[in-house]
Protein backbone atom coordinates (compact mmCIF):
# COMPACT_ATOMS: atom_id res chain seq x y z
CA UNK A 1 95.52 108.23 126.59
CA UNK A 2 95.52 110.23 123.40
CA UNK A 3 92.93 112.89 122.69
CA UNK A 4 91.76 113.83 119.21
CA UNK A 5 90.23 117.18 118.35
CA UNK A 6 88.85 118.72 115.19
CA UNK A 7 90.31 122.13 114.43
CA UNK A 8 88.42 124.25 111.92
CA UNK A 9 89.52 127.47 110.25
CA UNK A 10 86.11 129.04 110.94
CA UNK A 11 85.44 131.12 114.09
CA UNK A 12 83.42 128.30 115.68
CA UNK A 13 85.40 125.20 116.70
CA UNK A 14 84.13 121.71 117.38
CA UNK A 15 86.02 119.05 119.28
CA UNK A 16 85.52 115.31 118.84
CA UNK A 17 87.10 112.88 121.27
CA UNK A 18 88.56 109.54 120.30
CA UNK A 19 90.81 107.19 122.23
CA UNK A 20 94.25 105.96 121.20
CA UNK A 21 96.62 104.19 123.57
CA UNK A 22 100.29 105.07 123.90
CA UNK A 23 102.87 102.79 125.49
CA UNK A 24 106.09 104.03 127.05
CA UNK A 25 109.20 101.86 126.86
CA UNK A 26 112.88 102.32 127.63
CA UNK A 27 115.87 101.90 125.37
CA UNK A 28 119.61 101.66 125.86
CA UNK A 29 121.24 105.07 125.58
CA UNK A 30 123.38 105.87 122.55
CA UNK A 31 124.33 109.42 123.51
CA UNK A 32 127.89 110.63 122.85
CA UNK A 33 129.19 113.97 124.09
CA UNK A 34 131.05 115.90 121.40
CA UNK A 35 131.98 118.97 123.47
CA UNK A 36 131.62 120.15 127.06
CA UNK A 37 131.49 123.90 127.63
CA UNK A 38 134.15 124.97 130.15
CA UNK A 39 133.09 126.20 133.54
CA UNK A 40 134.78 129.55 132.91
CA UNK A 41 132.00 130.43 130.48
CA UNK A 42 134.51 131.70 127.91
CA UNK A 43 132.93 129.60 125.13
CA UNK A 44 129.36 130.26 126.21
CA UNK A 45 126.72 128.97 128.59
CA UNK A 46 123.01 128.12 128.24
CA UNK A 47 123.40 126.70 124.72
CA UNK A 48 120.22 124.60 124.55
CA UNK A 49 119.09 126.27 121.31
CA UNK A 50 118.52 124.50 117.98
CA UNK A 51 121.81 123.69 116.25
CA UNK A 52 122.41 124.24 112.54
CA UNK A 53 124.07 121.44 110.53
CA UNK A 54 125.52 122.51 107.20
CA UNK A 55 125.99 120.34 104.10
CA UNK A 56 129.63 119.63 105.02
CA UNK A 57 128.71 118.34 108.48
CA UNK A 58 129.78 121.37 110.53
CA UNK A 59 127.59 122.25 113.52
CA UNK A 60 126.79 125.87 114.40
CA UNK A 61 124.91 127.16 117.41
CA UNK A 62 124.39 129.94 119.91
CA UNK A 63 124.92 130.24 123.64
CA UNK A 64 122.60 132.65 125.42
CA UNK A 65 125.25 133.77 127.90
CA UNK A 66 128.99 133.57 128.40
CA UNK A 67 131.75 134.63 126.04
CA UNK A 68 134.15 137.54 126.38
CA UNK A 69 131.52 139.97 127.63
CA UNK A 70 129.11 137.44 129.14
CA UNK A 71 126.41 138.35 126.58
CA UNK A 72 126.41 135.14 124.54
CA UNK A 73 128.30 133.59 121.64
CA UNK A 74 127.95 132.03 118.21
CA UNK A 75 130.09 128.90 117.91
CA UNK A 76 131.13 126.18 115.47
CA UNK A 77 131.91 122.52 116.04
CA UNK A 78 133.72 121.55 112.86
CA UNK A 79 133.36 118.42 110.76
CA UNK A 80 135.46 115.58 112.29
CA UNK A 81 139.08 115.29 111.21
CA UNK A 82 140.42 111.83 112.11
CA UNK A 83 137.37 111.45 114.31
CA UNK A 84 137.88 114.69 116.24
CA UNK A 85 135.78 117.87 115.97
CA UNK A 86 137.31 121.24 116.83
CA UNK A 87 135.33 123.92 118.68
CA UNK A 88 135.66 127.64 118.02
CA UNK A 89 133.83 130.77 119.09
CA UNK A 90 132.91 132.73 115.97
CA UNK A 91 131.57 135.79 117.79
CA UNK A 92 131.06 137.09 121.32
CA UNK A 93 128.25 139.64 121.72
CA UNK A 94 129.06 142.98 123.34
CA UNK A 95 125.58 144.24 124.33
CA UNK A 96 126.01 147.27 122.11
CA UNK A 97 124.42 147.84 118.74
CA UNK A 98 125.51 144.26 117.89
CA UNK A 99 122.93 142.76 120.28
CA UNK A 100 123.07 140.34 123.19
CA UNK A 101 121.75 136.96 124.34
CA UNK A 102 121.21 135.22 120.98
CA UNK A 103 118.50 132.57 120.80
CA UNK A 104 116.46 130.55 118.37
CA UNK A 105 117.49 128.84 115.15
CA UNK A 106 120.38 130.16 113.06
CA UNK A 107 120.58 129.52 109.32
CA UNK A 108 123.19 129.70 106.54
CA UNK A 109 122.97 130.81 102.93
CA UNK A 110 124.44 129.20 99.80
CA UNK A 111 127.88 130.78 100.32
CA UNK A 112 128.23 130.00 104.03
CA UNK A 113 127.12 133.22 105.72
CA UNK A 114 125.27 132.69 109.02
CA UNK A 115 122.18 134.59 110.16
CA UNK A 116 120.48 134.75 113.55
CA UNK A 117 118.45 136.82 115.99
CA UNK A 118 119.44 138.37 119.30
CA UNK A 119 118.04 140.67 121.95
CA UNK A 120 119.37 144.15 122.65
CA UNK A 121 120.66 146.35 119.86
CA UNK A 122 120.63 150.12 119.48
CA UNK A 123 116.99 150.37 120.57
CA UNK A 124 116.98 147.33 122.89
CA UNK A 125 114.24 145.72 120.78
CA UNK A 126 116.34 143.04 119.10
CA UNK A 127 118.51 142.61 116.01
CA UNK A 128 119.02 140.30 113.06
CA UNK A 129 122.72 139.71 112.53
CA UNK A 130 124.97 138.23 109.84
CA UNK A 131 128.29 136.44 110.30
CA UNK A 132 130.57 136.44 107.26
CA UNK A 133 133.53 134.03 107.03
CA UNK A 134 136.92 135.49 106.15
CA UNK A 135 140.50 134.39 105.64
CA UNK A 136 142.22 132.35 108.33
CA UNK A 137 139.02 131.21 109.98
CA UNK A 138 137.94 134.71 111.01
CA UNK A 139 134.30 135.81 111.04
CA UNK A 140 132.84 139.31 110.86
CA UNK A 141 129.54 140.21 112.50
CA UNK A 142 127.22 142.83 111.06
CA UNK A 143 123.70 143.85 112.00
CA UNK A 144 121.39 143.71 108.98
CA UNK A 145 118.30 144.93 110.82
CA UNK A 146 117.61 146.63 114.15
CA UNK A 147 114.09 146.56 115.58
CA UNK A 148 112.72 149.72 117.17
CA UNK A 149 112.68 152.46 118.23
CA UNK A 150 108.91 152.10 117.75
CA UNK A 151 106.91 148.89 117.98
CA UNK A 152 105.41 148.95 114.48
CA UNK A 153 107.87 146.51 112.86
CA UNK A 154 107.89 144.18 115.85
CA UNK A 155 109.85 143.68 119.05
CA UNK A 156 112.05 140.79 120.25
CA UNK A 157 112.70 138.51 117.25
CA UNK A 158 112.78 134.72 117.46
CA UNK A 159 114.79 132.28 115.30
CA UNK A 160 115.06 132.44 111.51
CA UNK A 161 114.18 130.46 108.38
CA UNK A 162 115.78 131.00 104.95
CA UNK A 163 114.54 130.21 101.43
CA UNK A 164 116.49 129.26 98.29
CA UNK A 165 116.68 132.90 97.17
CA UNK A 166 118.31 133.97 100.44
CA UNK A 167 115.28 135.72 101.92
CA UNK A 168 114.99 135.47 105.70
CA UNK A 169 111.72 134.87 107.56
CA UNK A 170 110.98 135.16 111.25
CA UNK A 171 108.56 136.16 114.00
CA UNK A 172 108.66 138.76 116.74
CA UNK A 173 107.21 138.03 120.15
CA UNK A 174 105.57 141.45 120.51
CA UNK A 175 105.01 144.67 118.60
CA UNK A 176 103.37 145.25 115.24
CA UNK A 177 100.31 147.26 114.27
CA UNK A 178 97.69 144.67 115.22
CA UNK A 179 95.43 145.14 118.21
CA UNK A 180 97.40 144.40 121.38
CA UNK A 181 100.78 144.49 119.59
CA UNK A 182 100.88 140.70 119.82
CA UNK A 183 103.77 140.12 117.44
CA UNK A 184 104.52 139.86 113.74
CA UNK A 185 105.76 137.67 110.91
CA UNK A 186 108.44 139.38 108.84
CA UNK A 187 110.60 138.91 105.76
CA UNK A 188 114.09 140.34 105.21
CA UNK A 189 115.15 140.68 101.58
CA UNK A 190 118.76 141.35 100.48
CA UNK A 191 119.35 144.35 98.21
CA UNK A 192 122.03 144.67 95.55
CA UNK A 193 123.92 147.28 97.61
CA UNK A 194 124.31 144.97 100.61
CA UNK A 195 121.46 146.45 102.65
CA UNK A 196 118.34 144.53 103.67
CA UNK A 197 114.68 145.52 103.49
CA UNK A 198 112.14 144.37 106.07
CA UNK A 199 108.55 143.64 105.10
CA UNK A 200 105.96 142.84 107.74
CA UNK A 201 103.96 139.93 106.33
CA UNK A 202 101.44 139.72 109.15
CA UNK A 203 100.43 141.48 112.39
CA UNK A 204 98.78 139.33 115.08
CA UNK A 205 95.84 140.82 116.95
CA UNK A 206 94.57 138.14 119.36
CA UNK A 207 91.80 136.01 117.80
CA UNK A 208 94.19 135.16 114.95
CA UNK A 209 97.03 134.38 117.36
CA UNK A 210 99.31 136.19 119.78
CA UNK A 211 102.88 136.11 121.05
CA UNK A 212 104.80 133.74 118.73
CA UNK A 213 107.87 132.21 120.38
CA UNK A 214 109.50 130.11 117.64
CA UNK A 215 110.87 130.09 114.14
CA UNK A 216 108.80 129.30 111.06
CA UNK A 217 108.67 126.25 108.79
CA UNK A 218 108.72 126.74 105.01
CA UNK A 219 107.23 124.28 102.51
CA UNK A 220 108.18 123.72 98.86
CA UNK A 221 105.37 126.01 97.65
CA UNK A 222 106.63 128.95 99.72
CA UNK A 223 103.97 128.79 102.44
CA UNK A 224 105.02 129.54 106.02
CA UNK A 225 103.83 127.62 109.08
CA UNK A 226 104.19 128.61 112.70
CA UNK A 227 102.74 128.70 116.18
CA UNK A 228 101.64 131.35 118.63
CA UNK A 229 101.78 130.80 122.37
CA UNK A 230 98.53 132.70 122.94
CA UNK A 231 95.42 133.92 121.22
CA UNK A 232 93.03 132.12 118.95
CA UNK A 233 89.26 131.80 118.95
CA UNK A 234 87.47 132.06 122.29
CA UNK A 235 90.60 133.20 124.13
CA UNK A 236 92.40 130.01 123.20
CA UNK A 237 95.74 128.75 124.39
CA UNK A 238 97.66 129.41 121.19
CA UNK A 239 97.42 128.55 117.53
CA UNK A 240 99.01 126.84 114.56
CA UNK A 241 98.83 129.04 111.46
CA UNK A 242 99.71 129.06 107.78
CA UNK A 243 100.74 132.15 105.80
CA UNK A 244 100.40 131.93 102.02
CA UNK A 245 101.73 134.45 99.47
CA UNK A 246 99.16 136.10 97.22
CA UNK A 247 99.37 138.24 94.12
CA UNK A 248 100.58 141.76 94.71
CA UNK A 249 102.97 140.75 97.48
CA UNK A 250 100.30 140.27 100.16
CA UNK A 251 100.13 137.30 102.49
CA UNK A 252 97.02 135.57 103.84
CA UNK A 253 96.82 133.91 107.25
CA UNK A 254 94.80 130.74 107.79
CA UNK A 255 94.30 129.35 111.28
CA UNK A 256 94.84 125.60 111.19
CA UNK A 257 94.08 125.09 114.86
CA UNK A 258 93.25 126.96 118.05
CA UNK A 259 94.20 125.09 121.20
CA UNK A 260 91.35 124.93 123.70
CA UNK A 261 91.36 125.79 127.35
CA UNK A 262 91.95 122.65 129.41
CA UNK A 263 93.20 121.57 132.79
CA UNK A 264 96.67 121.22 131.25
CA UNK A 265 97.17 124.97 130.64
CA UNK A 266 99.54 124.09 127.79
CA UNK A 267 100.50 126.23 124.82
CA UNK A 268 102.51 125.64 121.62
CA UNK A 269 105.86 127.34 122.08
CA UNK A 270 108.04 125.57 119.50
CA UNK A 271 108.30 125.33 115.72
CA UNK A 272 106.35 122.74 113.73
CA UNK A 273 107.70 119.94 111.53
CA UNK A 274 105.77 118.43 108.62
CA UNK A 275 106.18 115.12 106.83
CA UNK A 276 106.07 114.26 103.12
CA UNK A 277 102.30 113.71 103.30
CA UNK A 278 101.68 117.24 104.60
CA UNK A 279 100.87 116.30 108.20
CA UNK A 280 102.10 118.82 110.80
CA UNK A 281 103.67 117.88 114.13
CA UNK A 282 104.54 119.95 117.18
CA UNK A 283 104.59 120.11 120.96
CA UNK A 284 102.84 121.98 123.73
CA UNK A 285 104.22 122.80 127.16
CA UNK A 286 102.79 124.11 130.39
CA UNK A 287 104.91 123.59 133.48
CA UNK A 288 106.98 120.85 135.09
CA UNK A 289 104.19 120.02 137.53
CA UNK A 290 101.27 117.65 137.03
CA UNK A 291 99.23 117.61 134.89
CA UNK A 292 100.80 120.25 132.61
CA UNK A 293 103.91 118.32 131.57
CA UNK A 294 103.32 118.86 127.84
CA UNK A 295 102.27 116.87 124.79
CA UNK A 296 103.09 115.95 121.19
CA UNK A 297 100.38 116.67 118.62
CA UNK A 298 99.65 115.96 114.96
CA UNK A 299 97.54 118.05 112.58
CA UNK A 300 96.15 116.23 109.54
CA UNK A 301 94.43 118.02 106.63
CA UNK A 302 90.82 117.24 105.73
CA UNK A 303 89.22 117.52 102.32
CA UNK A 304 87.13 120.55 103.32
CA UNK A 305 90.09 122.71 104.31
CA UNK A 306 89.83 122.04 108.04
CA UNK A 307 92.45 120.22 110.07
CA UNK A 308 92.16 117.50 112.70
CA UNK A 309 94.25 117.71 115.87
CA UNK A 310 95.42 114.43 117.42
CA UNK A 311 97.32 114.29 120.70
CA UNK A 312 99.90 111.56 120.08
CA UNK A 313 101.51 111.53 123.51
CA UNK A 314 101.01 113.28 126.81
CA UNK A 315 104.11 113.41 128.98
CA UNK A 316 103.93 112.05 132.48
CA UNK A 317 106.74 113.85 134.25
CA UNK A 318 109.12 111.76 136.40
CA UNK A 319 110.17 108.64 134.52
CA UNK A 320 108.80 109.99 131.23
CA UNK A 321 109.43 113.63 130.43
CA UNK A 322 108.19 117.19 130.91
CA UNK A 323 108.45 120.46 128.98
CA UNK A 324 109.13 119.18 125.44
CA UNK A 325 111.23 121.13 122.95
CA UNK A 326 110.64 121.00 119.19
CA UNK A 327 110.44 117.88 117.02
CA UNK A 328 112.43 116.39 114.15
CA UNK A 329 111.48 113.40 112.01
CA UNK A 330 113.19 110.77 109.89
CA UNK A 331 112.35 109.52 106.41
CA UNK A 332 110.18 106.75 107.87
CA UNK A 333 107.92 109.19 109.70
CA UNK A 334 109.27 108.50 113.18
CA UNK A 335 109.43 111.53 115.48
CA UNK A 336 112.30 112.45 117.80
CA UNK A 337 112.46 115.08 120.50
CA UNK A 338 113.68 116.10 123.91
CA UNK A 339 112.16 117.36 127.12
CA UNK A 340 113.89 119.89 129.34
CA UNK A 341 112.73 118.15 132.52
CA UNK A 342 111.34 114.83 133.66
CA UNK A 343 112.93 111.46 133.06
CA UNK A 344 114.65 109.19 135.52
CA UNK A 345 116.75 112.01 137.03
CA UNK A 346 114.38 114.92 136.22
CA UNK A 347 117.08 116.38 133.95
CA UNK A 348 115.30 115.72 130.66
CA UNK A 349 115.14 112.96 128.08
CA UNK A 350 115.56 112.14 124.41
CA UNK A 351 112.58 110.18 123.09
CA UNK A 352 111.20 108.59 119.94
CA UNK A 353 107.56 108.38 118.89
CA UNK A 354 106.76 105.61 116.42
CA UNK A 355 103.47 104.58 114.81
CA UNK A 356 102.65 100.87 114.66
CA UNK A 357 100.73 98.99 111.98
CA UNK A 358 97.37 99.80 113.59
CA UNK A 359 98.09 103.54 113.62
CA UNK A 360 98.82 103.81 117.34
CA UNK A 361 101.80 105.85 118.52
CA UNK A 362 104.17 104.62 121.22
CA UNK A 363 106.92 106.51 123.03
CA UNK A 364 110.39 105.10 123.65
CA UNK A 365 112.83 106.90 125.96
CA UNK A 366 116.21 106.81 124.25
CA UNK A 367 118.26 108.65 126.85
CA UNK A 368 117.75 109.95 130.38
CA UNK A 369 119.99 112.92 131.11
CA UNK A 370 121.66 112.95 134.52
CA UNK A 371 123.07 116.51 134.70
CA UNK A 372 126.44 114.75 134.88
CA UNK A 373 128.99 114.41 132.09
CA UNK A 374 126.16 113.61 129.63
CA UNK A 375 124.50 117.00 130.14
CA UNK A 376 121.14 118.13 131.42
CA UNK A 377 118.11 120.19 130.31
CA UNK A 378 118.37 119.70 126.51
CA UNK A 379 116.96 121.81 123.68
CA UNK A 380 115.59 120.94 120.22
CA UNK A 381 117.44 118.35 118.12
CA UNK A 382 118.64 118.63 114.52
CA UNK A 383 118.56 115.52 112.33
CA UNK A 384 121.66 114.59 110.34
CA UNK A 385 122.51 111.88 107.80
CA UNK A 386 122.00 108.31 108.89
CA UNK A 387 119.37 109.32 111.44
CA UNK A 388 122.04 110.71 113.76
CA UNK A 389 120.68 113.65 115.74
CA UNK A 390 122.59 116.48 117.40
CA UNK A 391 121.65 118.69 120.31
CA UNK A 392 122.88 120.95 123.10
CA UNK A 393 122.06 121.25 126.78
CA UNK A 394 121.93 124.08 129.30
CA UNK A 395 123.67 122.16 132.07
CA UNK A 396 125.91 119.23 132.87
CA UNK A 397 129.14 118.19 131.22
CA UNK A 398 132.63 118.40 132.67
CA UNK A 399 132.23 122.16 133.12
CA UNK A 400 128.67 121.87 134.48
CA UNK A 401 127.38 124.50 132.02
CA UNK A 402 126.25 122.34 129.11
CA UNK A 403 127.35 120.02 126.31
CA UNK A 404 126.93 119.38 122.59
CA UNK A 405 126.04 115.78 121.90
CA UNK A 406 125.04 113.32 119.21
CA UNK A 407 122.62 110.44 119.55
CA UNK A 408 121.80 107.51 117.29
């Protein structure tokens, strides 16, 4: 079944139920493992974070643990040469002022510098770091912003987004000056002397959202879109929000949807993706037990400024999927994603959601992970040319600590 709700930007929300059927099918797997992390952990472990694919076809990512000091790594899987990609660790975190346990999306600027977020740092509140390429394949890490020692600028940053001018945008899970210190949205702007300036664009306070856990999406007009895992009207179960720049450098938040309390106890914990028509897509997750396996939703804009929430698919656990990561889409509007659990072996799946001529969405399981050589417990995909997607897992592979894979 698919539920459909109306989400209004006013304090009072109405919900209208409609019925859409969703059919689950299976497909032959087309997964190919590009790299298996060694059991020693020297290259990293727990790498099921979103990968970054640059214009040349190189893949970059982060591992939450492992490396020289067991505090995580940033790595590269280079563009294929004669069909073979080479793997290299660009940086191993030390758990000093440089940070530890990187997570979330990393991004690159126009000249190939990498940027990401990590925990730890001088005040143990998180850092934003930069990796600069040098001669001979070397990379230099520098911290461009350290959160703390107070909470006012936010605590515990998530992944990053970058605009054409090189400004960085992100969220913090906690901190800020809003009631409850429920997190922030921030911008980091490069200065001519090589330093960076942080501006807090928004402080969450509960009814407007609380505790964001994912990176932001940026549209062509410069508006930011994101999710919070808590808050919203009537003590809701999270929100989808839009932040729009205004004159004078201020930003205005607009709640697109507050998720209602339900038996599923599910919250949006991942970034959103939007199509060319302006529709927004995302996932919710609760637990790996019935009935809170998670869902895929769509938000469509209405003429009066409100948005309508449609549940496109509700995961069924074993045989289907549970605990979905974020979504990616292709040019035809088909959606692709992974779940960290569920599937034939309860080690996660890769799936496709496709809309038929009558407007109904159907799920197709593309790959069932086995926690064997193919990996297990995958994270969010990144879409490459030719509708080839790339991802990483937290487990499985020849070293039993994760793989990087591609899937057609």
